[in-house]
Amino acid sequence: MRVGASGRRAGTRKGWKDVEGKVAAERDGATATSVQEKSGSPATGQPTVLVLDDDRDLSTLVTYILEAEGYRVRTAPDGRQGLEAIEREMPSLILLDMKMPVMDGWTFAREFRARYDARVPIVVLTAAEDAMKRARDVGAVDWVGKPFDLDVLIDVVGRYVGSSGG
């Protein structure tokens, strides 16, 4: 099942059925900061995924999906805020949109690699037709095209982070 603007998923995985209402509630009543703050504590030992995307609905959807799978999730709407989040905690994986305001994905990846000698895998999330080229341009290990299949996203995260055990 592919996910587009509606955020619906017909099947279930680990007990969640339909995140559309959660995404709508988040959009209607919360800020992007609250999405970041509610995601958990660094002491949990869970792998952390940093989602860099200026589409708040998509970031919220990905947060719910990955949290349901047992991952901790942090979000940032642009590369600058993503780098600030990394100063606080190094993620296990970065899901990176390429076209964002303030600092785009290309600039983020360049700055991230220059600042940190971390071997954190980057997976590009993009609607571009040349997704594979964009992933190569920033040294990403993989890419997921938008709209994406929820199971594909979960599988890609698991491939590069390992099982969350959640």
N, C-alpha and C. Protein backbone atom coordinates (compact mmCIF):
# COMPACT_ATOMS: atom_id res chain seq x y z
N MET A 1 0.85 -1.18 0.00
CA MET A 1 0.00 0.00 0.00
C MET A 1 0.89 1.23 0.00
N ARG A 2 0.65 2.13 -0.91
CA ARG A 2 1.42 3.37 -0.99
C ARG A 2 0.71 4.45 -0.20
N VAL A 3 1.49 5.37 0.31
CA VAL A 3 0.94 6.47 1.08
C VAL A 3 1.19 7.75 0.31
N GLY A 4 0.16 8.51 0.14
CA GLY A 4 0.28 9.81 -0.50
C GLY A 4 -0.19 10.87 0.46
N ALA A 5 -0.96 11.81 -0.04
CA ALA A 5 -1.40 12.94 0.76
C ALA A 5 -2.34 12.54 1.89
N SER A 6 -3.10 11.47 1.73
CA SER A 6 -4.09 11.13 2.75
C SER A 6 -3.49 10.54 4.00
N GLY A 7 -2.33 9.89 3.90
CA GLY A 7 -1.71 9.28 5.07
C GLY A 7 -2.37 7.99 5.50
N ARG A 8 -3.24 7.39 4.70
CA ARG A 8 -3.95 6.15 5.08
C ARG A 8 -3.15 4.93 4.72
N ARG A 9 -3.37 3.93 5.48
CA ARG A 9 -2.78 2.62 5.22
C ARG A 9 -3.85 1.58 5.50
N ALA A 10 -4.04 0.68 4.57
CA ALA A 10 -5.09 -0.31 4.73
C ALA A 10 -4.70 -1.43 5.67
N GLY A 11 -3.47 -1.89 5.60
CA GLY A 11 -3.04 -3.01 6.42
C GLY A 11 -2.61 -2.58 7.80
N THR A 12 -2.21 -3.55 8.60
CA THR A 12 -1.73 -3.23 9.94
C THR A 12 -0.32 -3.78 10.10
N ARG A 13 0.41 -3.20 11.01
CA ARG A 13 1.74 -3.69 11.35
C ARG A 13 1.98 -3.32 12.79
N LYS A 14 2.19 -4.32 13.62
CA LYS A 14 2.42 -4.13 15.05
C LYS A 14 1.33 -3.29 15.70
N GLY A 15 0.08 -3.53 15.33
CA GLY A 15 -1.04 -2.97 16.06
C GLY A 15 -1.57 -1.63 15.62
N TRP A 16 -0.95 -0.91 14.71
CA TRP A 16 -1.52 0.35 14.29
C TRP A 16 -2.23 0.16 12.96
N LYS A 17 -3.38 0.80 12.83
CA LYS A 17 -4.21 0.59 11.65
C LYS A 17 -4.30 1.81 10.76
N ASP A 18 -4.55 2.96 11.34
CA ASP A 18 -4.81 4.13 10.51
C ASP A 18 -4.24 5.36 11.19
N VAL A 19 -3.20 5.91 10.61
CA VAL A 19 -2.56 7.06 11.23
C VAL A 19 -3.12 8.39 10.73
N GLU A 20 -4.06 8.33 9.81
CA GLU A 20 -4.58 9.57 9.23
C GLU A 20 -5.16 10.50 10.30
N GLY A 21 -5.94 9.96 11.24
CA GLY A 21 -6.51 10.79 12.29
C GLY A 21 -5.44 11.38 13.19
N LYS A 22 -4.39 10.62 13.48
CA LYS A 22 -3.30 11.13 14.31
C LYS A 22 -2.56 12.26 13.60
N VAL A 23 -2.33 12.09 12.31
CA VAL A 23 -1.65 13.12 11.54
C VAL A 23 -2.49 14.38 11.51
N ALA A 24 -3.79 14.24 11.28
CA ALA A 24 -4.68 15.41 11.25
C ALA A 24 -4.73 16.09 12.61
N ALA A 25 -4.78 15.31 13.68
CA ALA A 25 -4.81 15.90 15.03
C ALA A 25 -3.52 16.65 15.31
N GLU A 26 -2.41 16.08 14.90
CA GLU A 26 -1.12 16.73 15.10
C GLU A 26 -1.06 18.03 14.32
N ARG A 27 -1.54 18.01 13.08
CA ARG A 27 -1.52 19.19 12.23
C ARG A 27 -2.41 20.28 12.81
N ASP A 28 -3.56 19.89 13.34
CA ASP A 28 -4.52 20.86 13.83
C ASP A 28 -4.18 21.41 15.21
N GLY A 29 -3.45 20.64 16.03
CA GLY A 29 -3.30 21.10 17.39
C GLY A 29 -1.90 21.15 17.94
N ALA A 30 -0.88 20.92 17.13
CA ALA A 30 0.45 20.90 17.70
C ALA A 30 1.44 21.58 16.76
N THR A 31 2.59 21.88 17.31
CA THR A 31 3.65 22.48 16.51
C THR A 31 4.68 21.42 16.19
N ALA A 32 5.57 21.74 15.27
CA ALA A 32 6.64 20.80 14.93
C ALA A 32 7.50 20.52 16.15
N THR A 33 7.68 21.51 17.02
CA THR A 33 8.49 21.31 18.21
C THR A 33 7.90 20.22 19.09
N SER A 34 6.57 20.20 19.23
CA SER A 34 5.96 19.19 20.09
C SER A 34 6.18 17.79 19.53
N VAL A 35 6.26 17.66 18.22
CA VAL A 35 6.55 16.36 17.62
C VAL A 35 7.94 15.92 18.06
N GLN A 36 8.90 16.84 18.06
CA GLN A 36 10.25 16.50 18.47
C GLN A 36 10.30 16.14 19.94
N GLU A 37 9.64 16.89 20.78
CA GLU A 37 9.76 16.73 22.22
C GLU A 37 9.10 15.46 22.73
N LYS A 38 8.08 14.96 22.09
CA LYS A 38 7.35 13.82 22.63
C LYS A 38 7.98 12.48 22.27
N SER A 39 9.05 12.49 21.51
CA SER A 39 9.53 11.25 20.92
C SER A 39 10.28 10.32 21.85
N GLY A 40 10.67 10.74 23.02
CA GLY A 40 11.33 9.81 23.93
C GLY A 40 12.55 10.39 24.58
N SER A 41 13.22 9.56 25.34
CA SER A 41 14.37 9.96 26.12
C SER A 41 15.63 9.31 25.57
N PRO A 42 16.75 10.02 25.55
CA PRO A 42 17.99 9.42 25.06
C PRO A 42 18.40 8.18 25.85
N ALA A 43 17.90 8.02 27.05
CA ALA A 43 18.29 6.89 27.89
C ALA A 43 17.59 5.59 27.50
N THR A 44 16.70 5.61 26.53
CA THR A 44 15.93 4.41 26.20
C THR A 44 16.75 3.34 25.49
N GLY A 45 17.84 3.72 24.84
CA GLY A 45 18.64 2.74 24.12
C GLY A 45 18.07 2.38 22.76
N GLN A 46 16.94 2.97 22.38
CA GLN A 46 16.35 2.69 21.08
C GLN A 46 17.13 3.43 20.00
N PRO A 47 17.21 2.87 18.80
CA PRO A 47 17.82 3.60 17.69
C PRO A 47 17.01 4.87 17.41
N THR A 48 17.72 5.95 17.11
CA THR A 48 17.08 7.22 16.82
C THR A 48 17.16 7.52 15.34
N VAL A 49 16.03 7.90 14.76
CA VAL A 49 15.96 8.29 13.36
C VAL A 49 15.66 9.78 13.33
N LEU A 50 16.47 10.53 12.59
CA LEU A 50 16.24 11.96 12.40
C LEU A 50 15.58 12.14 11.04
N VAL A 51 14.38 12.74 11.04
CA VAL A 51 13.63 12.99 9.81
C VAL A 51 13.75 14.47 9.48
N LEU A 52 14.37 14.78 8.35
CA LEU A 52 14.51 16.16 7.90
C LEU A 52 13.60 16.36 6.70
N ASP A 53 12.49 17.03 6.93
CA ASP A 53 11.52 17.27 5.87
C ASP A 53 10.66 18.46 6.26
N ASP A 54 10.43 19.37 5.33
CA ASP A 54 9.62 20.55 5.63
C ASP A 54 8.12 20.28 5.52
N ASP A 55 7.73 19.11 5.05
CA ASP A 55 6.32 18.73 4.99
C ASP A 55 5.93 18.18 6.36
N ARG A 56 5.24 19.00 7.14
CA ARG A 56 4.91 18.63 8.51
C ARG A 56 4.03 17.39 8.59
N ASP A 57 3.06 17.27 7.69
CA ASP A 57 2.21 16.08 7.70
C ASP A 57 3.03 14.82 7.44
N LEU A 58 3.94 14.88 6.49
CA LEU A 58 4.77 13.72 6.18
C LEU A 58 5.68 13.39 7.36
N SER A 59 6.28 14.40 7.96
CA SER A 59 7.15 14.16 9.13
C SER A 59 6.37 13.52 10.26
N THR A 60 5.15 14.00 10.48
CA THR A 60 4.31 13.44 11.54
C THR A 60 3.95 11.99 11.22
N LEU A 61 3.59 11.71 9.98
CA LEU A 61 3.26 10.35 9.56
C LEU A 61 4.45 9.42 9.77
N VAL A 62 5.62 9.83 9.32
CA VAL A 62 6.81 9.00 9.47
C VAL A 62 7.12 8.79 10.95
N THR A 63 6.93 9.83 11.76
CA THR A 63 7.14 9.71 13.20
C THR A 63 6.25 8.62 13.78
N TYR A 64 4.95 8.68 13.49
CA TYR A 64 4.03 7.67 14.03
C TYR A 64 4.37 6.27 13.54
N ILE A 65 4.70 6.15 12.27
CA ILE A 65 5.03 4.84 11.71
C ILE A 65 6.25 4.25 12.42
N LEU A 66 7.31 5.03 12.50
CA LEU A 66 8.55 4.51 13.07
C LEU A 66 8.46 4.32 14.58
N GLU A 67 7.74 5.19 15.27
CA GLU A 67 7.54 4.99 16.70
C GLU A 67 6.74 3.72 16.96
N ALA A 68 5.77 3.42 16.10
CA ALA A 68 5.00 2.19 16.24
C ALA A 68 5.89 0.96 16.05
N GLU A 69 6.97 1.14 15.31
CA GLU A 69 7.93 0.06 15.09
C GLU A 69 8.99 -0.01 16.19
N GLY A 70 8.95 0.92 17.13
CA GLY A 70 9.88 0.89 18.25
C GLY A 70 11.08 1.81 18.15
N TYR A 71 11.12 2.66 17.13
CA TYR A 71 12.23 3.60 16.99
C TYR A 71 11.91 4.91 17.71
N ARG A 72 12.95 5.61 18.13
CA ARG A 72 12.80 6.99 18.59
C ARG A 72 12.94 7.86 17.36
N VAL A 73 12.16 8.91 17.27
CA VAL A 73 12.18 9.76 16.09
C VAL A 73 12.33 11.22 16.51
N ARG A 74 13.20 11.92 15.81
CA ARG A 74 13.35 13.37 15.94
C ARG A 74 13.06 13.95 14.57
N THR A 75 12.50 15.15 14.55
CA THR A 75 12.20 15.79 13.26
C THR A 75 12.77 17.20 13.24
N ALA A 76 13.02 17.66 12.03
CA ALA A 76 13.44 19.04 11.81
C ALA A 76 12.94 19.45 10.43
N PRO A 77 12.45 20.69 10.29
CA PRO A 77 11.89 21.13 9.02
C PRO A 77 12.91 21.62 8.00
N ASP A 78 14.19 21.67 8.39
CA ASP A 78 15.22 22.13 7.45
C ASP A 78 16.58 21.65 7.95
N GLY A 79 17.57 21.78 7.11
CA GLY A 79 18.90 21.30 7.43
C GLY A 79 19.54 22.00 8.61
N ARG A 80 19.32 23.29 8.74
CA ARG A 80 19.91 24.03 9.86
C ARG A 80 19.43 23.47 11.19
N GLN A 81 18.10 23.29 11.31
CA GLN A 81 17.56 22.73 12.54
C GLN A 81 17.97 21.27 12.71
N GLY A 82 18.19 20.57 11.60
CA GLY A 82 18.69 19.21 11.68
C GLY A 82 20.08 19.16 12.30
N LEU A 83 20.95 20.07 11.88
CA LEU A 83 22.29 20.13 12.47
C LEU A 83 22.22 20.48 13.95
N GLU A 84 21.30 21.35 14.32
CA GLU A 84 21.12 21.68 15.74
C GLU A 84 20.67 20.46 16.53
N ALA A 85 19.78 19.66 15.95
CA ALA A 85 19.32 18.44 16.63
C ALA A 85 20.47 17.45 16.80
N ILE A 86 21.35 17.38 15.82
CA ILE A 86 22.49 16.47 15.89
C ILE A 86 23.48 16.91 16.96
N GLU A 87 23.58 18.22 17.20
CA GLU A 87 24.44 18.71 18.29
C GLU A 87 23.99 18.14 19.63
N ARG A 88 22.69 17.93 19.78
CA ARG A 88 22.14 17.39 21.02
C ARG A 88 22.24 15.86 21.09
N GLU A 89 22.09 15.21 19.95
CA GLU A 89 22.11 13.75 19.92
C GLU A 89 22.41 13.26 18.50
N MET A 90 23.40 12.39 18.38
CA MET A 90 23.74 11.81 17.09
C MET A 90 22.73 10.70 16.78
N PRO A 91 22.03 10.80 15.64
CA PRO A 91 21.04 9.77 15.29
C PRO A 91 21.72 8.51 14.77
N SER A 92 20.92 7.44 14.68
CA SER A 92 21.38 6.19 14.09
C SER A 92 21.20 6.21 12.58
N LEU A 93 20.26 7.04 12.10
CA LEU A 93 19.92 7.13 10.69
C LEU A 93 19.31 8.49 10.42
N ILE A 94 19.56 9.04 9.24
CA ILE A 94 18.96 10.30 8.82
C ILE A 94 18.11 10.05 7.58
N LEU A 95 16.82 10.44 7.65
CA LEU A 95 15.94 10.44 6.48
C LEU A 95 15.89 11.87 5.99
N LEU A 96 16.35 12.11 4.78
CA LEU A 96 16.63 13.47 4.30
C LEU A 96 15.84 13.83 3.06
N ASP A 97 15.00 14.86 3.19
CA ASP A 97 14.37 15.49 2.03
C ASP A 97 15.41 16.41 1.40
N MET A 98 15.37 16.57 0.11
CA MET A 98 16.37 17.38 -0.56
C MET A 98 15.98 18.86 -0.67
N LYS A 99 14.71 19.12 -0.92
CA LYS A 99 14.26 20.50 -1.12
C LYS A 99 13.55 21.00 0.13
N MET A 100 14.29 21.79 0.92
CA MET A 100 13.75 22.37 2.15
C MET A 100 14.17 23.83 2.19
N PRO A 101 13.41 24.64 2.92
CA PRO A 101 13.81 26.05 3.08
C PRO A 101 15.01 26.15 4.04
N VAL A 102 15.59 27.30 4.12
CA VAL A 102 16.69 27.65 5.03
C VAL A 102 17.97 26.92 4.65
N MET A 103 17.99 25.59 4.75
CA MET A 103 19.14 24.80 4.33
C MET A 103 18.63 23.53 3.68
N ASP A 104 18.94 23.36 2.39
CA ASP A 104 18.44 22.19 1.66
C ASP A 104 19.23 20.93 1.99
N GLY A 105 18.81 19.82 1.41
CA GLY A 105 19.43 18.54 1.70
C GLY A 105 20.88 18.44 1.25
N TRP A 106 21.23 19.04 0.11
CA TRP A 106 22.60 18.99 -0.37
C TRP A 106 23.53 19.72 0.61
N THR A 107 23.11 20.91 1.03
CA THR A 107 23.92 21.69 1.96
C THR A 107 24.01 20.99 3.31
N PHE A 108 22.88 20.45 3.78
CA PHE A 108 22.90 19.72 5.05
C PHE A 108 23.91 18.59 5.01
N ALA A 109 23.85 17.76 3.97
CA ALA A 109 24.74 16.60 3.88
C ALA A 109 26.20 17.03 3.87
N ARG A 110 26.51 18.08 3.12
CA ARG A 110 27.89 18.59 3.06
C ARG A 110 28.34 19.08 4.44
N GLU A 111 27.49 19.87 5.11
CA GLU A 111 27.81 20.38 6.45
C GLU A 111 27.93 19.26 7.47
N PHE A 112 27.02 18.30 7.40
CA PHE A 112 27.05 17.18 8.33
C PHE A 112 28.36 16.42 8.21
N ARG A 113 28.75 16.10 6.99
CA ARG A 113 29.99 15.34 6.77
C ARG A 113 31.22 16.16 7.19
N ALA A 114 31.18 17.48 6.98
CA ALA A 114 32.31 18.33 7.36
C ALA A 114 32.43 18.47 8.88
N ARG A 115 31.32 18.55 9.57
CA ARG A 115 31.33 18.77 11.02
C ARG A 115 31.58 17.50 11.83
N TYR A 116 31.06 16.39 11.34
CA TYR A 116 31.08 15.16 12.13
C TYR A 116 31.76 14.05 11.34
N ASP A 117 32.61 13.34 12.01
CA ASP A 117 33.26 12.19 11.37
C ASP A 117 32.42 10.95 11.66
N ALA A 118 31.13 11.13 11.62
CA ALA A 118 30.20 10.05 11.95
C ALA A 118 29.85 9.26 10.70
N ARG A 119 29.69 7.99 10.86
CA ARG A 119 29.29 7.12 9.76
C ARG A 119 27.79 6.85 9.83
N VAL A 120 27.03 7.89 10.02
CA VAL A 120 25.57 7.77 10.10
C VAL A 120 25.01 7.65 8.69
N PRO A 121 24.26 6.59 8.41
CA PRO A 121 23.69 6.47 7.07
C PRO A 121 22.61 7.52 6.82
N ILE A 122 22.60 8.02 5.59
CA ILE A 122 21.58 8.96 5.14
C ILE A 122 20.76 8.26 4.07
N VAL A 123 19.43 8.34 4.21
CA VAL A 123 18.50 7.83 3.20
C VAL A 123 17.72 9.04 2.69
N VAL A 124 17.74 9.26 1.40
CA VAL A 124 17.04 10.39 0.79
C VAL A 124 15.58 10.04 0.60
N LEU A 125 14.70 10.95 1.04
CA LEU A 125 13.25 10.87 0.77
C LEU A 125 12.95 11.94 -0.26
N THR A 126 12.49 11.55 -1.44
CA THR A 126 12.27 12.56 -2.47
C THR A 126 11.19 12.15 -3.46
N ALA A 127 10.53 13.15 -4.01
CA ALA A 127 9.55 12.92 -5.06
C ALA A 127 10.19 13.11 -6.44
N ALA A 128 11.46 13.44 -6.48
CA ALA A 128 12.14 13.71 -7.74
C ALA A 128 12.28 12.43 -8.57
N GLU A 129 12.22 12.60 -9.87
CA GLU A 129 12.38 11.46 -10.77
C GLU A 129 13.81 10.92 -10.75
N ASP A 130 14.77 11.77 -10.42
CA ASP A 130 16.16 11.35 -10.40
C ASP A 130 16.63 11.06 -8.96
N ALA A 131 15.80 10.33 -8.21
CA ALA A 131 16.07 10.06 -6.80
C ALA A 131 17.41 9.37 -6.58
N MET A 132 17.74 8.40 -7.43
CA MET A 132 19.00 7.68 -7.27
C MET A 132 20.19 8.64 -7.43
N LYS A 133 20.11 9.55 -8.40
CA LYS A 133 21.18 10.52 -8.60
C LYS A 133 21.29 11.45 -7.40
N ARG A 134 20.16 11.89 -6.88
CA ARG A 134 20.19 12.77 -5.71
C ARG A 134 20.82 12.06 -4.52
N ALA A 135 20.50 10.81 -4.35
CA ALA A 135 21.09 10.03 -3.25
C ALA A 135 22.61 9.93 -3.43
N ARG A 136 23.05 9.63 -4.63
CA ARG A 136 24.50 9.56 -4.90
C ARG A 136 25.17 10.90 -4.66
N ASP A 137 24.51 11.99 -5.07
CA ASP A 137 25.08 13.34 -4.92
C ASP A 137 25.44 13.67 -3.48
N VAL A 138 24.68 13.16 -2.54
CA VAL A 138 24.93 13.48 -1.12
C VAL A 138 25.57 12.33 -0.35
N GLY A 139 25.97 11.27 -1.05
CA GLY A 139 26.60 10.15 -0.38
C GLY A 139 25.64 9.31 0.45
N ALA A 140 24.37 9.34 0.06
CA ALA A 140 23.36 8.55 0.79
C ALA A 140 23.51 7.07 0.47
N VAL A 141 23.11 6.25 1.43
CA VAL A 141 23.18 4.80 1.25
C VAL A 141 22.00 4.26 0.47
N ASP A 142 20.91 5.04 0.42
CA ASP A 142 19.69 4.56 -0.24
C ASP A 142 18.75 5.74 -0.45
N TRP A 143 17.62 5.46 -1.09
CA TRP A 143 16.59 6.47 -1.29
C TRP A 143 15.22 5.80 -1.25
N VAL A 144 14.21 6.60 -0.88
CA VAL A 144 12.82 6.16 -0.90
C VAL A 144 12.04 7.24 -1.63
N GLY A 145 11.34 6.84 -2.68
CA GLY A 145 10.57 7.79 -3.47
C GLY A 145 9.25 8.14 -2.82
N LYS A 146 8.86 9.39 -2.96
CA LYS A 146 7.55 9.86 -2.48
C LYS A 146 6.59 9.85 -3.65
N PRO A 147 5.37 9.41 -3.48
CA PRO A 147 4.83 8.78 -2.28
C PRO A 147 5.47 7.41 -2.09
N PHE A 148 5.50 6.94 -0.86
CA PHE A 148 6.20 5.70 -0.58
C PHE A 148 5.29 4.68 0.07
N ASP A 149 5.69 3.44 -0.06
CA ASP A 149 5.02 2.32 0.57
C ASP A 149 5.52 2.27 2.02
N LEU A 150 4.60 2.19 2.97
CA LEU A 150 4.98 2.20 4.38
C LEU A 150 5.90 1.05 4.73
N ASP A 151 5.62 -0.13 4.21
CA ASP A 151 6.47 -1.28 4.49
C ASP A 151 7.87 -1.10 3.92
N VAL A 152 7.98 -0.44 2.77
CA VAL A 152 9.30 -0.17 2.19
C VAL A 152 10.08 0.76 3.11
N LEU A 153 9.44 1.80 3.60
CA LEU A 153 10.12 2.72 4.51
C LEU A 153 10.60 1.98 5.76
N ILE A 154 9.73 1.18 6.35
CA ILE A 154 10.09 0.42 7.55
C ILE A 154 11.24 -0.53 7.25
N ASP A 155 11.20 -1.20 6.12
CA ASP A 155 12.26 -2.13 5.74
C ASP A 155 13.59 -1.41 5.53
N VAL A 156 13.55 -0.25 4.87
CA VAL A 156 14.78 0.51 4.63
C VAL A 156 15.38 0.97 5.95
N VAL A 157 14.56 1.49 6.84
CA VAL A 157 15.06 1.92 8.15
C VAL A 157 15.68 0.73 8.88
N GLY A 158 14.99 -0.41 8.89
CA GLY A 158 15.51 -1.60 9.54
C GLY A 158 16.81 -2.09 8.94
N ARG A 159 16.96 -1.95 7.63
CA ARG A 159 18.17 -2.39 6.94
C ARG A 159 19.40 -1.62 7.42
N TYR A 160 19.24 -0.33 7.66
CA TYR A 160 20.39 0.51 8.00
C TYR A 160 20.55 0.77 9.50
N VAL A 161 19.50 0.55 10.25
CA VAL A 161 19.58 0.77 11.70
C VAL A 161 19.58 -0.56 12.43
N GLY A 162 18.99 -1.56 11.84
CA GLY A 162 18.81 -2.84 12.51
C GLY A 162 17.46 -2.86 13.19
N SER A 163 17.11 -3.98 13.69
CA SER A 163 15.81 -4.14 14.34
C SER A 163 15.77 -3.31 15.60
N SER A 164 14.63 -2.61 15.80
CA SER A 164 14.46 -1.80 17.01
C SER A 164 14.10 -2.65 18.20
N GLY A 165 13.65 -3.87 17.92
CA GLY A 165 13.24 -4.75 19.00
C GLY A 165 11.93 -4.34 19.62
N GLY A 166 11.28 -3.32 19.02
CA GLY A 166 10.04 -2.81 19.60
C GLY A 166 8.94 -3.43 19.00
